[in-house]
All heavy atoms as atom14 arrays in JSON, in Angstrom:
{
  "sequence": "FRVTGALVLGLAGTILMIGVDSLAGLVNPRWWSGNALALAAAICYG",
  "atom14_mask": [
    [1, 1, 1, 1, 1, 1, 1, 1, 1, 1, 1, 0, 0, 0],
    [1, 1, 1, 1, 1, 1, 1, 1, 1, 1, 1, 0, 0, 0],
    [1, 1, 1, 1, 1, 1, 1, 0, 0, 0, 0, 0, 0, 0],
    [1, 1, 1, 1, 1, 1, 1, 0, 0, 0, 0, 0, 0, 0],
    [1, 1, 1, 1, 0, 0, 0, 0, 0, 0, 0, 0, 0, 0],
    [1, 1, 1, 1, 1, 0, 0, 0, 0, 0, 0, 0, 0, 0],
    [1, 1, 1, 1, 1, 1, 1, 1, 0, 0, 0, 0, 0, 0],
    [1, 1, 1, 1, 1, 1, 1, 0, 0, 0, 0, 0, 0, 0],
    [1, 1, 1, 1, 1, 1, 1, 1, 0, 0, 0, 0, 0, 0],
    [1, 1, 1, 1, 0, 0, 0, 0, 0, 0, 0, 0, 0, 0],
    [1, 1, 1, 1, 1, 1, 1, 1, 0, 0, 0, 0, 0, 0],
    [1, 1, 1, 1, 1, 0, 0, 0, 0, 0, 0, 0, 0, 0],
    [1, 1, 1, 1, 0, 0, 0, 0, 0, 0, 0, 0, 0, 0],
    [1, 1, 1, 1, 1, 1, 1, 0, 0, 0, 0, 0, 0, 0],
    [1, 1, 1, 1, 1, 1, 1, 1, 0, 0, 0, 0, 0, 0],
    [1, 1, 1, 1, 1, 1, 1, 1, 0, 0, 0, 0, 0, 0],
    [1, 1, 1, 1, 1, 1, 1, 1, 0, 0, 0, 0, 0, 0],
    [1, 1, 1, 1, 1, 1, 1, 1, 0, 0, 0, 0, 0, 0],
    [1, 1, 1, 1, 0, 0, 0, 0, 0, 0, 0, 0, 0, 0],
    [1, 1, 1, 1, 1, 1, 1, 0, 0, 0, 0, 0, 0, 0],
    [1, 1, 1, 1, 1, 1, 1, 1, 0, 0, 0, 0, 0, 0],
    [1, 1, 1, 1, 1, 1, 0, 0, 0, 0, 0, 0, 0, 0],
    [1, 1, 1, 1, 1, 1, 1, 1, 0, 0, 0, 0, 0, 0],
    [1, 1, 1, 1, 1, 0, 0, 0, 0, 0, 0, 0, 0, 0],
    [1, 1, 1, 1, 0, 0, 0, 0, 0, 0, 0, 0, 0, 0],
    [1, 1, 1, 1, 1, 1, 1, 1, 0, 0, 0, 0, 0, 0],
    [1, 1, 1, 1, 1, 1, 1, 0, 0, 0, 0, 0, 0, 0],
    [1, 1, 1, 1, 1, 1, 1, 1, 0, 0, 0, 0, 0, 0],
    [1, 1, 1, 1, 1, 1, 1, 0, 0, 0, 0, 0, 0, 0],
    [1, 1, 1, 1, 1, 1, 1, 1, 1, 1, 1, 0, 0, 0],
    [1, 1, 1, 1, 1, 1, 1, 1, 1, 1, 1, 1, 1, 1],
    [1, 1, 1, 1, 1, 1, 1, 1, 1, 1, 1, 1, 1, 1],
    [1, 1, 1, 1, 1, 1, 0, 0, 0, 0, 0, 0, 0, 0],
    [1, 1, 1, 1, 0, 0, 0, 0, 0, 0, 0, 0, 0, 0],
    [1, 1, 1, 1, 1, 1, 1, 1, 0, 0, 0, 0, 0, 0],
    [1, 1, 1, 1, 1, 0, 0, 0, 0, 0, 0, 0, 0, 0],
    [1, 1, 1, 1, 1, 1, 1, 1, 0, 0, 0, 0, 0, 0],
    [1, 1, 1, 1, 1, 0, 0, 0, 0, 0, 0, 0, 0, 0],
    [1, 1, 1, 1, 1, 1, 1, 1, 0, 0, 0, 0, 0, 0],
    [1, 1, 1, 1, 1, 0, 0, 0, 0, 0, 0, 0, 0, 0],
    [1, 1, 1, 1, 1, 0, 0, 0, 0, 0, 0, 0, 0, 0],
    [1, 1, 1, 1, 1, 0, 0, 0, 0, 0, 0, 0, 0, 0],
    [1, 1, 1, 1, 1, 1, 1, 1, 0, 0, 0, 0, 0, 0],
    [1, 1, 1, 1, 1, 1, 0, 0, 0, 0, 0, 0, 0, 0],
    [1, 1, 1, 1, 1, 1, 1, 1, 1, 1, 1, 1, 0, 0],
    [1, 1, 1, 1, 0, 0, 0, 0, 0, 0, 0, 0, 0, 0]
  ],
  "atom14_positions": [
    [[-84.71, 267.39, 3.93], [-85.12, 267.12, 2.56], [-84.37, 265.91, 2.0], [-84.96, 265.04, 1.35], [-84.84, 268.35, 1.68], [-85.17, 268.13, 0.23], [-86.47, 268.2, -0.23], [-84.15, 267.85, -0.69], [-86.77, 267.98, -1.57], [-84.44, 267.63, -2.02], [-85.75, 267.7, -2.47], [0.0, 0.0, 0.0], [0.0, 0.0, 0.0], [0.0, 0.0, 0.0]],
    [[-83.08, 265.81, 2.3], [-82.27, 264.69, 1.8], [-82.74, 263.36, 2.39], [-82.91, 262.38, 1.67], [-80.8, 264.93, 2.13], [-79.84, 263.87, 1.57], [-78.43, 264.15, 2.07], [-77.91, 265.38, 1.52], [-77.24, 265.47, 0.37], [-77.01, 264.39, -0.34], [-76.79, 266.63, -0.06], [0.0, 0.0, 0.0], [0.0, 0.0, 0.0], [0.0, 0.0, 0.0]],
    [[-82.96, 263.34, 3.7], [-83.38, 262.09, 4.35], [-84.79, 261.71, 3.92], [-85.08, 260.53, 3.67], [-83.3, 262.24, 5.88], [-83.88, 261.02, 6.58], [-81.84, 262.45, 6.31], [0.0, 0.0, 0.0], [0.0, 0.0, 0.0], [0.0, 0.0, 0.0], [0.0, 0.0, 0.0], [0.0, 0.0, 0.0], [0.0, 0.0, 0.0], [0.0, 0.0, 0.0]],
    [[-85.69, 262.69, 3.84], [-87.06, 262.4, 3.4], [-87.07, 261.86, 1.97], [-87.79, 260.9, 1.66], [-87.92, 263.67, 3.48], [-87.91, 264.17, 4.82], [-89.36, 263.37, 3.08], [0.0, 0.0, 0.0], [0.0, 0.0, 0.0], [0.0, 0.0, 0.0], [0.0, 0.0, 0.0], [0.0, 0.0, 0.0], [0.0, 0.0, 0.0], [0.0, 0.0, 0.0]],
    [[-86.27, 262.48, 1.1], [-86.18, 261.99, -0.28], [-85.65, 260.56, -0.34], [-86.16, 259.72, -1.1], [0.0, 0.0, 0.0], [0.0, 0.0, 0.0], [0.0, 0.0, 0.0], [0.0, 0.0, 0.0], [0.0, 0.0, 0.0], [0.0, 0.0, 0.0], [0.0, 0.0, 0.0], [0.0, 0.0, 0.0], [0.0, 0.0, 0.0], [0.0, 0.0, 0.0]],
    [[-84.64, 260.28, 0.48], [-84.08, 258.92, 0.51], [-85.12, 257.93, 1.02], [-85.22, 256.8, 0.52], [-82.84, 258.89, 1.39], [0.0, 0.0, 0.0], [0.0, 0.0, 0.0], [0.0, 0.0, 0.0], [0.0, 0.0, 0.0], [0.0, 0.0, 0.0], [0.0, 0.0, 0.0], [0.0, 0.0, 0.0], [0.0, 0.0, 0.0], [0.0, 0.0, 0.0]],
    [[-85.91, 258.33, 2.01], [-86.94, 257.46, 2.55], [-88.01, 257.15, 1.51], [-88.38, 255.99, 1.31], [-87.57, 258.12, 3.78], [-88.71, 257.36, 4.47], [-88.22, 256.01, 4.98], [-89.28, 258.19, 5.62], [0.0, 0.0, 0.0], [0.0, 0.0, 0.0], [0.0, 0.0, 0.0], [0.0, 0.0, 0.0], [0.0, 0.0, 0.0], [0.0, 0.0, 0.0]],
    [[-88.48, 258.18, 0.82], [-89.52, 257.99, -0.2], [-89.01, 257.12, -1.35], [-89.68, 256.17, -1.78], [-90.01, 259.36, -0.73], [-90.93, 259.17, -1.94], [-90.73, 260.12, 0.38], [0.0, 0.0, 0.0], [0.0, 0.0, 0.0], [0.0, 0.0, 0.0], [0.0, 0.0, 0.0], [0.0, 0.0, 0.0], [0.0, 0.0, 0.0], [0.0, 0.0, 0.0]],
    [[-87.82, 257.43, -1.85], [-87.25, 256.64, -2.94], [-86.99, 255.2, -2.52], [-87.24, 254.26, -3.28], [-85.95, 257.28, -3.43], [-86.08, 258.62, -4.18], [-84.71, 259.22, -4.43], [-86.82, 258.42, -5.5], [0.0, 0.0, 0.0], [0.0, 0.0, 0.0], [0.0, 0.0, 0.0], [0.0, 0.0, 0.0], [0.0, 0.0, 0.0], [0.0, 0.0, 0.0]],
    [[-86.48, 255.02, -1.3], [-86.19, 253.68, -0.82], [-87.44, 252.83, -0.67], [-87.46, 251.66, -1.07], [0.0, 0.0, 0.0], [0.0, 0.0, 0.0], [0.0, 0.0, 0.0], [0.0, 0.0, 0.0], [0.0, 0.0, 0.0], [0.0, 0.0, 0.0], [0.0, 0.0, 0.0], [0.0, 0.0, 0.0], [0.0, 0.0, 0.0], [0.0, 0.0, 0.0]],
    [[-88.49, 253.42, -0.12], [-89.73, 252.67, 0.04], [-90.37, 252.35, -1.3], [-90.84, 251.22, -1.53], [-90.71, 253.46, 0.92], [-90.31, 253.65, 2.38], [-91.34, 254.48, 3.11], [-90.13, 252.31, 3.08], [0.0, 0.0, 0.0], [0.0, 0.0, 0.0], [0.0, 0.0, 0.0], [0.0, 0.0, 0.0], [0.0, 0.0, 0.0], [0.0, 0.0, 0.0]],
    [[-90.38, 253.33, -2.2], [-90.94, 253.09, -3.54], [-90.16, 252.01, -4.28], [-90.75, 251.11, -4.91], [-90.95, 254.39, -4.34], [0.0, 0.0, 0.0], [0.0, 0.0, 0.0], [0.0, 0.0, 0.0], [0.0, 0.0, 0.0], [0.0, 0.0, 0.0], [0.0, 0.0, 0.0], [0.0, 0.0, 0.0], [0.0, 0.0, 0.0], [0.0, 0.0, 0.0]],
    [[-88.84, 252.1, -4.19], [-88.01, 251.1, -4.85], [-88.23, 249.71, -4.29], [-88.3, 248.72, -5.04], [0.0, 0.0, 0.0], [0.0, 0.0, 0.0], [0.0, 0.0, 0.0], [0.0, 0.0, 0.0], [0.0, 0.0, 0.0], [0.0, 0.0, 0.0], [0.0, 0.0, 0.0], [0.0, 0.0, 0.0], [0.0, 0.0, 0.0], [0.0, 0.0, 0.0]],
    [[-88.36, 249.61, -2.96], [-88.57, 248.31, -2.33], [-89.91, 247.72, -2.74], [-90.02, 246.51, -3.02], [-88.51, 248.43, -0.81], [-87.24, 249.0, -0.44], [-88.66, 247.08, -0.14], [0.0, 0.0, 0.0], [0.0, 0.0, 0.0], [0.0, 0.0, 0.0], [0.0, 0.0, 0.0], [0.0, 0.0, 0.0], [0.0, 0.0, 0.0], [0.0, 0.0, 0.0]],
    [[-90.96, 248.54, -2.8], [-92.27, 248.06, -3.22], [-92.22, 247.52, -4.64], [-92.77, 246.46, -4.95], [-93.32, 249.2, -3.11], [-93.57, 249.54, -1.64], [-94.63, 248.8, -3.8], [-94.43, 250.76, -1.44], [0.0, 0.0, 0.0], [0.0, 0.0, 0.0], [0.0, 0.0, 0.0], [0.0, 0.0, 0.0], [0.0, 0.0, 0.0], [0.0, 0.0, 0.0]],
    [[-91.53, 248.24, -5.54], [-91.42, 247.77, -6.92], [-90.58, 246.5, -7.0], [-90.88, 245.61, -7.82], [-90.8, 248.86, -7.78], [-91.67, 250.1, -8.03], [-90.89, 251.16, -8.81], [-92.94, 249.73, -8.78], [0.0, 0.0, 0.0], [0.0, 0.0, 0.0], [0.0, 0.0, 0.0], [0.0, 0.0, 0.0], [0.0, 0.0, 0.0], [0.0, 0.0, 0.0]],
    [[-89.55, 246.39, -6.16], [-88.72, 245.18, -6.17], [-89.5, 243.97, -5.67], [-89.41, 242.88, -6.22], [-87.49, 245.39, -5.3], [-86.47, 246.37, -5.86], [-85.49, 245.67, -7.18], [-84.54, 244.46, -6.3], [0.0, 0.0, 0.0], [0.0, 0.0, 0.0], [0.0, 0.0, 0.0], [0.0, 0.0, 0.0], [0.0, 0.0, 0.0], [0.0, 0.0, 0.0]],
    [[-90.25, 244.15, -4.6], [-91.02, 243.04, -4.03], [-92.18, 242.67, -4.95], [-92.53, 241.51, -5.09], [-91.52, 243.41, -2.62], [-90.33, 243.57, -1.67], [-92.48, 242.35, -2.08], [-90.7, 244.11, -0.31], [0.0, 0.0, 0.0], [0.0, 0.0, 0.0], [0.0, 0.0, 0.0], [0.0, 0.0, 0.0], [0.0, 0.0, 0.0], [0.0, 0.0, 0.0]],
    [[-92.78, 243.68, -5.59], [-93.88, 243.44, -6.52], [-95.13, 244.18, -6.09], [-95.58, 244.04, -4.95], [0.0, 0.0, 0.0], [0.0, 0.0, 0.0], [0.0, 0.0, 0.0], [0.0, 0.0, 0.0], [0.0, 0.0, 0.0], [0.0, 0.0, 0.0], [0.0, 0.0, 0.0], [0.0, 0.0, 0.0], [0.0, 0.0, 0.0], [0.0, 0.0, 0.0]],
    [[-95.69, 244.96, -7.01], [-96.9, 245.72, -6.7], [-98.06, 244.78, -6.36], [-98.97, 245.13, -5.61], [-97.26, 246.63, -7.9], [-98.53, 247.41, -7.63], [-96.11, 247.6, -8.19], [0.0, 0.0, 0.0], [0.0, 0.0, 0.0], [0.0, 0.0, 0.0], [0.0, 0.0, 0.0], [0.0, 0.0, 0.0], [0.0, 0.0, 0.0], [0.0, 0.0, 0.0]],
    [[-98.03, 243.55, -6.91], [-99.09, 242.58, -6.62], [-99.19, 242.28, -5.13], [-100.24, 241.83, -4.66], [-98.85, 241.28, -7.38], [-98.98, 241.44, -8.89], [-99.58, 242.46, -9.3], [-98.49, 240.58, -9.63], [0.0, 0.0, 0.0], [0.0, 0.0, 0.0], [0.0, 0.0, 0.0], [0.0, 0.0, 0.0], [0.0, 0.0, 0.0], [0.0, 0.0, 0.0]],
    [[-98.1, 242.49, -4.4], [-98.13, 242.21, -2.96], [-99.11, 243.13, -2.23], [-99.56, 242.79, -1.13], [-96.73, 242.37, -2.37], [-96.26, 243.7, -2.56], [0.0, 0.0, 0.0], [0.0, 0.0, 0.0], [0.0, 0.0, 0.0], [0.0, 0.0, 0.0], [0.0, 0.0, 0.0], [0.0, 0.0, 0.0], [0.0, 0.0, 0.0], [0.0, 0.0, 0.0]],
    [[-99.44, 244.28, -2.83], [-100.4, 245.18, -2.2], [-101.79, 244.56, -2.09], [-102.57, 244.93, -1.23], [-100.48, 246.49, -2.99], [-99.19, 247.33, -3.04], [-99.36, 248.51, -3.98], [-98.81, 247.81, -1.65], [0.0, 0.0, 0.0], [0.0, 0.0, 0.0], [0.0, 0.0, 0.0], [0.0, 0.0, 0.0], [0.0, 0.0, 0.0], [0.0, 0.0, 0.0]],
    [[-102.08, 243.59, -2.99], [-103.39, 242.93, -2.96], [-103.59, 242.18, -1.65], [-104.73, 242.03, -1.17], [-103.53, 241.98, -4.14], [0.0, 0.0, 0.0], [0.0, 0.0, 0.0], [0.0, 0.0, 0.0], [0.0, 0.0, 0.0], [0.0, 0.0, 0.0], [0.0, 0.0, 0.0], [0.0, 0.0, 0.0], [0.0, 0.0, 0.0], [0.0, 0.0, 0.0]],
    [[-102.52, 241.69, -1.06], [-102.63, 240.96, 0.19], [-103.03, 241.82, 1.36], [-103.43, 241.29, 2.41], [0.0, 0.0, 0.0], [0.0, 0.0, 0.0], [0.0, 0.0, 0.0], [0.0, 0.0, 0.0], [0.0, 0.0, 0.0], [0.0, 0.0, 0.0], [0.0, 0.0, 0.0], [0.0, 0.0, 0.0], [0.0, 0.0, 0.0], [0.0, 0.0, 0.0]],
    [[-102.96, 243.14, 1.21], [-103.29, 244.02, 2.31], [-104.79, 244.1, 2.56], [-105.23, 244.39, 3.68], [-102.75, 245.43, 2.04], [-101.23, 245.58, 1.9], [-100.87, 247.01, 1.53], [-100.53, 245.16, 3.19], [0.0, 0.0, 0.0], [0.0, 0.0, 0.0], [0.0, 0.0, 0.0], [0.0, 0.0, 0.0], [0.0, 0.0, 0.0], [0.0, 0.0, 0.0]],
    [[-105.6, 243.86, 1.52], [-107.04, 244.07, 1.63], [-107.83, 242.77, 1.71], [-109.04, 242.8, 1.87], [-107.54, 244.91, 0.44], [-106.94, 246.3, 0.46], [-107.22, 244.23, -0.89], [0.0, 0.0, 0.0], [0.0, 0.0, 0.0], [0.0, 0.0, 0.0], [0.0, 0.0, 0.0], [0.0, 0.0, 0.0], [0.0, 0.0, 0.0], [0.0, 0.0, 0.0]],
    [[-107.17, 241.65, 1.61], [-107.86, 240.37, 1.66], [-108.06, 239.95, 3.12], [-107.09, 239.71, 3.83], [-107.05, 239.3, 0.92], [-107.85, 238.02, 0.7], [-108.64, 237.62, 1.53], [-107.62, 237.38, -0.44], [0.0, 0.0, 0.0], [0.0, 0.0, 0.0], [0.0, 0.0, 0.0], [0.0, 0.0, 0.0], [0.0, 0.0, 0.0], [0.0, 0.0, 0.0]],
    [[-109.31, 239.82, 3.61], [-109.55, 239.52, 5.03], [-108.91, 238.21, 5.5], [-108.54, 238.1, 6.67], [-111.08, 239.45, 5.12], [-111.57, 240.25, 3.96], [-110.56, 240.05, 2.87], [0.0, 0.0, 0.0], [0.0, 0.0, 0.0], [0.0, 0.0, 0.0], [0.0, 0.0, 0.0], [0.0, 0.0, 0.0], [0.0, 0.0, 0.0], [0.0, 0.0, 0.0]],
    [[-108.79, 237.25, 4.62], [-108.24, 235.95, 5.05], [-106.77, 236.04, 5.43], [-106.21, 235.15, 6.07], [-108.43, 234.89, 3.96], [-107.7, 235.15, 2.69], [-108.0, 234.07, 1.68], [-106.94, 233.08, 1.64], [-106.65, 232.36, 0.57], [-107.35, 232.5, -0.52], [-105.68, 231.49, 0.6], [0.0, 0.0, 0.0], [0.0, 0.0, 0.0], [0.0, 0.0, 0.0]],
    [[-106.11, 237.13, 5.03], [-104.68, 237.31, 5.31], [-104.41, 238.37, 6.37], [-103.26, 238.71, 6.63], [-103.93, 237.65, 4.02], [-103.86, 236.51, 3.05], [-103.74, 235.18, 3.36], [-103.88, 236.59, 1.63], [-103.71, 234.43, 2.21], [-103.78, 235.26, 1.12], [-103.98, 237.63, 0.71], [-103.79, 234.97, -0.23], [-103.98, 237.34, -0.64], [-103.89, 236.02, -1.1]],
    [[-105.46, 238.89, 6.98], [-105.25, 239.98, 7.93], [-104.46, 239.55, 9.16], [-103.68, 240.33, 9.71], [-106.6, 240.58, 8.34], [-107.16, 241.48, 7.27], [-106.53, 241.89, 6.13], [-108.45, 242.07, 7.24], [-107.35, 242.7, 5.37], [-108.54, 242.84, 6.04], [-109.55, 242.04, 8.1], [-109.68, 243.55, 5.69], [-110.69, 242.76, 7.75], [-110.75, 243.51, 6.56]],
    [[-104.66, 238.32, 9.63], [-103.9, 237.87, 10.81], [-102.41, 237.81, 10.48], [-101.56, 238.19, 11.29], [-104.4, 236.51, 11.28], [-104.18, 235.51, 10.28], [0.0, 0.0, 0.0], [0.0, 0.0, 0.0], [0.0, 0.0, 0.0], [0.0, 0.0, 0.0], [0.0, 0.0, 0.0], [0.0, 0.0, 0.0], [0.0, 0.0, 0.0], [0.0, 0.0, 0.0]],
    [[-102.08, 237.32, 9.28], [-100.68, 237.29, 8.85], [-100.11, 238.69, 8.68], [-98.95, 238.94, 9.03], [0.0, 0.0, 0.0], [0.0, 0.0, 0.0], [0.0, 0.0, 0.0], [0.0, 0.0, 0.0], [0.0, 0.0, 0.0], [0.0, 0.0, 0.0], [0.0, 0.0, 0.0], [0.0, 0.0, 0.0], [0.0, 0.0, 0.0], [0.0, 0.0, 0.0]],
    [[-100.94, 239.6, 8.15], [-100.49, 240.98, 7.98], [-100.21, 241.63, 9.34], [-99.26, 242.4, 9.49], [-101.54, 241.79, 7.23], [-101.73, 241.32, 5.8], [-100.88, 240.62, 5.25], [-102.84, 241.67, 5.19], [0.0, 0.0, 0.0], [0.0, 0.0, 0.0], [0.0, 0.0, 0.0], [0.0, 0.0, 0.0], [0.0, 0.0, 0.0], [0.0, 0.0, 0.0]],
    [[-101.06, 241.31, 10.32], [-100.84, 241.86, 11.68], [-99.54, 241.35, 12.26], [-98.79, 242.1, 12.91], [-102.02, 241.48, 12.58], [0.0, 0.0, 0.0], [0.0, 0.0, 0.0], [0.0, 0.0, 0.0], [0.0, 0.0, 0.0], [0.0, 0.0, 0.0], [0.0, 0.0, 0.0], [0.0, 0.0, 0.0], [0.0, 0.0, 0.0], [0.0, 0.0, 0.0]],
    [[-99.22, 240.07, 12.02], [-97.96, 239.52, 12.51], [-96.77, 240.17, 11.81], [-95.73, 240.42, 12.42], [-97.94, 238.01, 12.27], [-98.82, 237.18, 13.22], [-98.95, 235.76, 12.69], [-98.24, 237.18, 14.63], [0.0, 0.0, 0.0], [0.0, 0.0, 0.0], [0.0, 0.0, 0.0], [0.0, 0.0, 0.0], [0.0, 0.0, 0.0], [0.0, 0.0, 0.0]],
    [[-96.91, 240.45, 10.5], [-95.84, 241.12, 9.77], [-95.62, 242.53, 10.3], [-94.47, 242.99, 10.42], [-96.16, 241.17, 8.28], [0.0, 0.0, 0.0], [0.0, 0.0, 0.0], [0.0, 0.0, 0.0], [0.0, 0.0, 0.0], [0.0, 0.0, 0.0], [0.0, 0.0, 0.0], [0.0, 0.0, 0.0], [0.0, 0.0, 0.0], [0.0, 0.0, 0.0]],
    [[-96.7, 243.24, 10.65], [-96.57, 244.56, 11.24], [-95.91, 244.48, 12.62], [-95.1, 245.34, 12.98], [-97.94, 245.23, 11.35], [-98.52, 245.78, 10.05], [-99.94, 246.27, 10.28], [-97.66, 246.91, 9.5], [0.0, 0.0, 0.0], [0.0, 0.0, 0.0], [0.0, 0.0, 0.0], [0.0, 0.0, 0.0], [0.0, 0.0, 0.0], [0.0, 0.0, 0.0]],
    [[-96.26, 243.44, 13.37], [-95.61, 243.24, 14.67], [-94.12, 243.0, 14.49], [-93.3, 243.51, 15.27], [-96.26, 242.06, 15.41], [0.0, 0.0, 0.0], [0.0, 0.0, 0.0], [0.0, 0.0, 0.0], [0.0, 0.0, 0.0], [0.0, 0.0, 0.0], [0.0, 0.0, 0.0], [0.0, 0.0, 0.0], [0.0, 0.0, 0.0], [0.0, 0.0, 0.0]],
    [[-93.76, 242.25, 13.46], [-92.35, 242.02, 13.16], [-91.65, 243.33, 12.82], [-90.51, 243.58, 13.24], [-92.2, 241.03, 12.01], [0.0, 0.0, 0.0], [0.0, 0.0, 0.0], [0.0, 0.0, 0.0], [0.0, 0.0, 0.0], [0.0, 0.0, 0.0], [0.0, 0.0, 0.0], [0.0, 0.0, 0.0], [0.0, 0.0, 0.0], [0.0, 0.0, 0.0]],
    [[-92.33, 244.2, 12.05], [-91.76, 245.49, 11.69], [-91.53, 246.36, 12.92], [-90.51, 247.06, 13.03], [-92.68, 246.21, 10.7], [0.0, 0.0, 0.0], [0.0, 0.0, 0.0], [0.0, 0.0, 0.0], [0.0, 0.0, 0.0], [0.0, 0.0, 0.0], [0.0, 0.0, 0.0], [0.0, 0.0, 0.0], [0.0, 0.0, 0.0], [0.0, 0.0, 0.0]],
    [[-92.48, 246.32, 13.87], [-92.32, 247.1, 15.09], [-91.15, 246.57, 15.91], [-90.37, 247.34, 16.48], [-93.63, 247.06, 15.91], [-94.72, 247.84, 15.16], [-93.43, 247.65, 17.29], [-96.09, 247.73, 15.79], [0.0, 0.0, 0.0], [0.0, 0.0, 0.0], [0.0, 0.0, 0.0], [0.0, 0.0, 0.0], [0.0, 0.0, 0.0], [0.0, 0.0, 0.0]],
    [[-91.01, 245.22, 15.96], [-89.86, 244.64, 16.67], [-88.55, 245.05, 16.0], [-87.59, 245.41, 16.68], [-89.98, 243.12, 16.69], [-91.27, 242.49, 17.79], [0.0, 0.0, 0.0], [0.0, 0.0, 0.0], [0.0, 0.0, 0.0], [0.0, 0.0, 0.0], [0.0, 0.0, 0.0], [0.0, 0.0, 0.0], [0.0, 0.0, 0.0], [0.0, 0.0, 0.0]],
    [[-88.52, 245.0, 14.67], [-87.32, 245.38, 13.93], [-86.98, 246.85, 14.17], [-85.84, 247.2, 14.52], [-87.54, 245.1, 12.45], [-86.45, 245.57, 11.53], [-85.11, 245.36, 11.82], [-86.76, 246.25, 10.35], [-84.11, 245.8, 10.96], [-85.77, 246.69, 9.49], [-84.45, 246.46, 9.8], [-83.46, 246.91, 8.96], [0.0, 0.0, 0.0], [0.0, 0.0, 0.0]],
    [[-87.97, 247.71, 13.99], [-87.74, 249.12, 14.25], [-87.4, 249.38, 15.71], [-86.58, 250.25, 16.02], [0.0, 0.0, 0.0], [0.0, 0.0, 0.0], [0.0, 0.0, 0.0], [0.0, 0.0, 0.0], [0.0, 0.0, 0.0], [0.0, 0.0, 0.0], [0.0, 0.0, 0.0], [0.0, 0.0, 0.0], [0.0, 0.0, 0.0], [0.0, 0.0, 0.0]]
  ]
}
């Protein structure tokens, strides 16, 4: 429960810090190749 709560709060806080407007980039087809590269970076990081 403690780790899950920290994960949820941390992700929510990071989204608000980066900006909710950044979510718009997830659905725009012209940016999908960049989004795929960012996900690849996340997989490498993890």
